Amino acid sequence: MALTTAFKAVATRGDRYWLVHIPELDQYTQARNLTEVEPMARDLIALLKEIPDDSFHLDIRIELPEHVRHHLELARKYSEDAARAQAESARERRAAARELKARGLTVRDIGTALGISHQRAQQLLA
């Protein structure tokens, strides 16, 4: 069955429950936890529109407090920075291994000199 109708459900934390707003209907329901957001929203939409609860697409958005979003943005940035640093570290390790190989060291000696196994040294040289 093709789902032609779409609704949004915006979940915002209240004092004890999640408030779930359906903007297209300008109606609210509530959920005790985030797992309940989708079924509660679907029940509300199905009841008010008199349609089956599986006959429409539901886009759920969880609104978090600004300070929480700020922490998440910083975490994302730090993760990206760490990934870039990890890639640069790997490039430098490969360069070090290649330079030692060019100076005539064996793979075993390269591994020992770099503090890695000779198998890892071979991978760096590949």
Foldseek 3Di string as FASTA:
>chain_A
DDQDAEWEWEWEDDPQWTWTATVVVRDIDTHRDPVCRLVRVLVVCCVVVVHHSPRHHYHYHYDDDPVVVVVVVVVVVVVVVVVVVVVVVLVVLLVQLVVVVVVPDDLCVSCVVVVHHSVVSVVSPD
